[in-house]
Amino acid sequence: MKQLIDPKETSRARAFELWMTSPMPMVTITKTFDISRLVRYGRRHNLKLNMLLCHCIGLAAKMQKEFYLLPSSEGFYKYDQLAINVIVEGLDGQIHSCDIPMSDDLQQFNEAYQKLTKQVTESSKSYFLDDYMIIGTSTLVESEIDSITNQYSEQFQNPFLAWGRYRKRCFRYTLPISFQFHHVQMDGLHAAKFLEQLQERIKHHA
């Protein structure tokens, strides 16, 4: 469920005044994560690393109220549930969007991930969830990437995470992840806390 609310009813009222009309309101922070335990857990249980990372992102995001507010020119849209968007290549050779509803339960999330990404791949049609706050993700595993700065579009104000291929060094696996967020939605302090919480979720997920 989502509802349009007055910015004055939120803790982001001042940020709305300062940044909503900014020509470039997006901020990008990149952090290198230790994903060693997550890689090994995925291999032991035959689970996709991308799915596990998306689940960790959802677990970390649900702990911060800022993720449930999406800025728009009319105010804030307030949501009561989250979903993770992944990019899927269809049988037509084009990329398509797929929204995965967030669940605390890993098995339930994995089942939805497998079912919906397969559906989008085979149909070559995007799958969207209207009443969920969407957290975007994108993976470019063809290359090791240090940082990704996404292009800003007024059509998409959602938080967005992107990463490339992980690195293996001396039995450890690391992965730089870029996190882009709208400055009206949160400040750098909130973003930094989210990234720290994401590292904890990755570390203790297994």
Protein backbone atom coordinates (compact mmCIF):
# COMPACT_ATOMS: atom_id res chain seq x y z
CA MET A 1 0.00 0.00 0.00
CA LYS A 2 1.17 3.55 -0.71
CA GLN A 3 -0.22 6.94 0.17
CA LEU A 4 0.73 10.49 -0.73
CA ILE A 5 1.65 12.53 2.34
CA ASP A 6 2.64 16.13 3.03
CA PRO A 7 6.43 16.51 3.51
CA LYS A 8 5.69 18.53 6.64
CA GLU A 9 4.35 15.35 8.24
CA THR A 10 7.76 13.69 7.90
CA SER A 11 11.25 14.18 9.30
CA ARG A 12 12.40 15.10 5.78
CA ALA A 13 10.46 18.36 5.46
CA ARG A 14 13.59 20.56 5.49
CA ALA A 15 15.37 18.30 3.00
CA PHE A 16 12.33 18.53 0.70
CA GLU A 17 12.58 22.32 0.72
CA LEU A 18 16.33 22.28 0.06
CA TRP A 19 16.74 19.55 -2.53
CA MET A 20 13.46 18.79 -4.34
CA THR A 21 14.09 21.39 -7.03
CA SER A 22 17.79 20.61 -7.35
CA PRO A 23 18.82 19.79 -10.95
CA MET A 24 20.91 16.89 -9.62
CA PRO A 25 19.53 15.66 -6.28
CA MET A 26 21.14 12.23 -6.38
CA VAL A 27 24.17 11.25 -4.28
CA THR A 28 26.37 8.19 -4.86
CA ILE A 29 28.51 6.48 -2.22
CA THR A 30 30.69 3.44 -2.97
CA LYS A 31 31.86 0.97 -0.33
CA THR A 32 33.91 -2.21 -0.71
CA PHE A 33 32.26 -5.13 1.07
CA ASP A 34 33.73 -8.37 2.37
CA ILE A 35 31.37 -10.99 0.91
CA SER A 36 33.52 -14.06 1.69
CA ARG A 37 31.00 -15.83 3.93
CA LEU A 38 28.13 -15.06 1.57
CA VAL A 39 29.99 -16.54 -1.41
CA ARG A 40 30.77 -19.73 0.53
CA TYR A 41 27.22 -19.98 1.88
CA GLY A 42 25.80 -19.70 -1.63
CA ARG A 43 28.08 -22.43 -2.92
CA ARG A 44 27.25 -24.79 -0.04
CA HIS A 45 23.52 -24.35 -0.50
CA ASN A 46 23.45 -23.90 -4.29
CA LEU A 47 22.03 -20.38 -4.02
CA LYS A 48 22.72 -17.52 -6.42
CA LEU A 49 25.00 -14.84 -5.03
CA ASN A 50 22.91 -12.09 -6.64
CA MET A 51 19.80 -13.36 -4.87
CA LEU A 52 21.63 -13.46 -1.53
CA LEU A 53 22.93 -9.91 -1.99
CA CYS A 54 19.43 -8.68 -2.84
CA HIS A 55 18.06 -10.35 0.29
CA CYS A 56 20.74 -8.70 2.42
CA ILE A 57 19.91 -5.33 0.86
CA GLY A 58 16.25 -5.78 1.74
CA LEU A 59 17.04 -6.82 5.32
CA ALA A 60 19.28 -3.78 5.82
CA ALA A 61 16.85 -1.33 4.18
CA LYS A 62 13.82 -2.41 6.20
CA MET A 63 15.56 -1.22 9.36
CA GLN A 64 15.55 2.43 8.21
CA LYS A 65 12.31 4.40 7.91
CA GLU A 66 13.77 6.61 5.14
CA PHE A 67 13.52 3.72 2.69
CA TYR A 68 9.74 3.75 2.99
CA LEU A 69 9.45 7.35 1.70
CA LEU A 70 9.73 8.10 -2.02
CA PRO A 71 10.05 11.80 -2.96
CA SER A 72 7.99 13.29 -5.77
CA SER A 73 7.14 16.82 -6.87
CA GLU A 74 3.78 16.43 -5.10
CA GLY A 75 5.22 15.30 -1.77
CA PHE A 76 6.23 11.91 -0.39
CA TYR A 77 4.75 8.56 -1.25
CA LYS A 78 4.78 6.46 1.90
CA TYR A 79 4.95 2.66 1.56
CA ASP A 80 4.51 -0.16 4.03
CA GLN A 81 6.40 -2.85 2.12
CA LEU A 82 9.63 -3.16 0.12
CA ALA A 83 10.66 -4.94 -3.07
CA ILE A 84 14.01 -5.40 -4.77
CA ASN A 85 14.27 -4.74 -8.50
CA VAL A 86 16.68 -6.81 -10.59
CA ILE A 87 17.57 -6.49 -14.27
CA VAL A 88 16.91 -9.63 -16.32
CA GLU A 89 17.93 -10.48 -19.88
CA GLY A 90 14.95 -11.81 -21.84
CA LEU A 91 14.94 -14.36 -24.62
CA ASP A 92 14.62 -11.39 -26.99
CA GLY A 93 18.14 -10.32 -26.03
CA GLN A 94 16.91 -7.15 -24.33
CA ILE A 95 17.02 -6.25 -20.64
CA HIS A 96 13.84 -6.10 -18.56
CA SER A 97 12.89 -5.15 -14.99
CA CYS A 98 11.73 -7.61 -12.37
CA ASP A 99 10.42 -6.60 -8.93
CA ILE A 100 10.89 -9.17 -6.16
CA PRO A 101 8.73 -8.68 -3.03
CA MET A 102 10.89 -8.58 0.08
CA SER A 103 10.50 -11.31 2.69
CA ASP A 104 12.52 -11.85 5.85
CA ASP A 105 12.39 -15.57 5.12
CA LEU A 106 15.26 -16.49 2.78
CA GLN A 107 13.51 -19.53 1.32
CA GLN A 108 10.39 -17.54 0.49
CA PHE A 109 12.43 -14.73 -1.06
CA ASN A 110 14.50 -17.20 -3.08
CA GLU A 111 11.38 -18.93 -4.41
CA ALA A 112 9.94 -15.59 -5.53
CA TYR A 113 13.29 -14.59 -7.05
CA GLN A 114 13.59 -17.83 -9.05
CA LYS A 115 9.96 -17.81 -10.19
CA LEU A 116 9.75 -14.16 -11.23
CA THR A 117 13.15 -13.87 -12.93
CA LYS A 118 12.34 -17.02 -14.94
CA GLN A 119 8.97 -15.55 -15.88
CA VAL A 120 10.55 -12.31 -17.09
CA THR A 121 13.30 -14.15 -18.98
CA GLU A 122 10.88 -16.42 -20.83
CA SER A 123 8.23 -13.77 -21.54
CA SER A 124 10.66 -10.93 -22.28
CA LYS A 125 8.24 -8.68 -20.39
CA SER A 126 9.03 -6.65 -17.28
CA TYR A 127 7.25 -7.41 -14.01
CA PHE A 128 6.34 -4.48 -11.77
CA LEU A 129 4.85 -4.16 -8.28
CA ASP A 130 2.89 -0.92 -7.89
CA ASP A 131 2.29 -0.81 -4.14
CA TYR A 132 5.86 -1.56 -3.05
CA MET A 133 8.76 0.76 -2.40
CA ILE A 134 11.26 -0.41 -5.01
CA ILE A 135 15.01 -0.57 -4.36
CA GLY A 136 16.80 -0.87 -7.68
CA THR A 137 19.82 -3.07 -8.36
CA SER A 138 22.01 -3.80 -11.35
CA THR A 139 24.94 -6.18 -11.83
CA LEU A 140 27.69 -5.98 -14.44
CA VAL A 141 29.58 -9.19 -13.75
CA GLU A 142 31.47 -9.03 -17.04
CA SER A 143 34.07 -6.81 -15.38
CA GLU A 144 35.54 -5.80 -12.03
CA ILE A 145 34.16 -2.31 -11.44
CA ASP A 146 35.36 0.16 -8.82
CA SER A 147 32.33 2.47 -8.85
CA ILE A 148 29.15 3.20 -10.78
CA THR A 149 27.49 6.61 -10.96
CA ASN A 150 24.02 6.24 -12.39
CA GLN A 151 22.36 8.72 -14.72
CA TYR A 152 19.63 10.74 -13.02
CA SER A 153 16.11 10.66 -14.45
CA GLU A 154 13.10 12.42 -12.96
CA GLN A 155 11.12 9.28 -13.75
CA PHE A 156 13.11 7.24 -11.21
CA GLN A 157 13.74 8.67 -7.73
CA ASN A 158 14.29 5.28 -6.08
CA PRO A 159 17.45 4.20 -4.24
CA PHE A 160 19.71 2.16 -6.48
CA LEU A 161 22.64 -0.20 -5.89
CA ALA A 162 25.02 -1.52 -8.54
CA TRP A 163 28.10 -3.72 -8.64
CA GLY A 164 30.33 -5.67 -10.98
CA ARG A 165 32.35 -8.89 -10.62
CA TYR A 166 33.70 -9.70 -7.17
CA ARG A 167 37.43 -9.96 -6.50
CA LYS A 168 39.22 -12.91 -4.91
CA ARG A 169 42.38 -12.15 -2.94
CA CYS A 170 44.02 -14.65 -0.57
CA PHE A 171 40.85 -16.68 0.14
CA ARG A 172 38.80 -13.49 0.66
CA TYR A 173 36.12 -12.16 -1.64
CA THR A 174 35.43 -8.43 -1.88
CA LEU A 175 32.90 -6.44 -3.87
CA PRO A 176 32.60 -2.66 -4.35
CA ILE A 177 28.92 -1.65 -4.32
CA SER A 178 27.71 1.80 -5.39
CA PHE A 179 24.67 3.17 -3.60
CA GLN A 180 22.76 6.02 -5.21
CA PHE A 181 20.03 7.81 -3.26
CA HIS A 182 17.88 10.92 -3.52
CA HIS A 183 19.06 13.62 -1.10
CA VAL A 184 15.44 14.44 -0.23
CA GLN A 185 14.88 10.85 0.87
CA MET A 186 17.93 10.62 3.12
CA ASP A 187 21.19 12.30 4.09
CA GLY A 188 24.70 10.92 3.84
CA LEU A 189 24.49 9.89 7.49
CA HIS A 190 21.51 7.63 6.79
CA ALA A 191 23.19 6.21 3.70
CA ALA A 192 26.40 5.44 5.62
CA LYS A 193 24.42 3.68 8.36
CA PHE A 194 22.62 1.63 5.72
CA LEU A 195 25.90 0.54 4.14
CA GLU A 196 27.29 -0.48 7.53
CA GLN A 197 24.13 -2.42 8.26
CA LEU A 198 24.38 -4.07 4.85
CA GLN A 199 27.92 -5.25 5.65
CA GLU A 200 26.65 -6.74 8.92
CA ARG A 201 23.82 -8.50 7.11
CA ILE A 202 26.25 -9.90 4.54
CA LYS A 203 28.66 -11.01 7.26
CA HIS A 204 26.05 -12.74 9.42
CA HIS A 205 23.64 -13.95 6.73
CA ALA A 206 25.29 -17.35 6.53
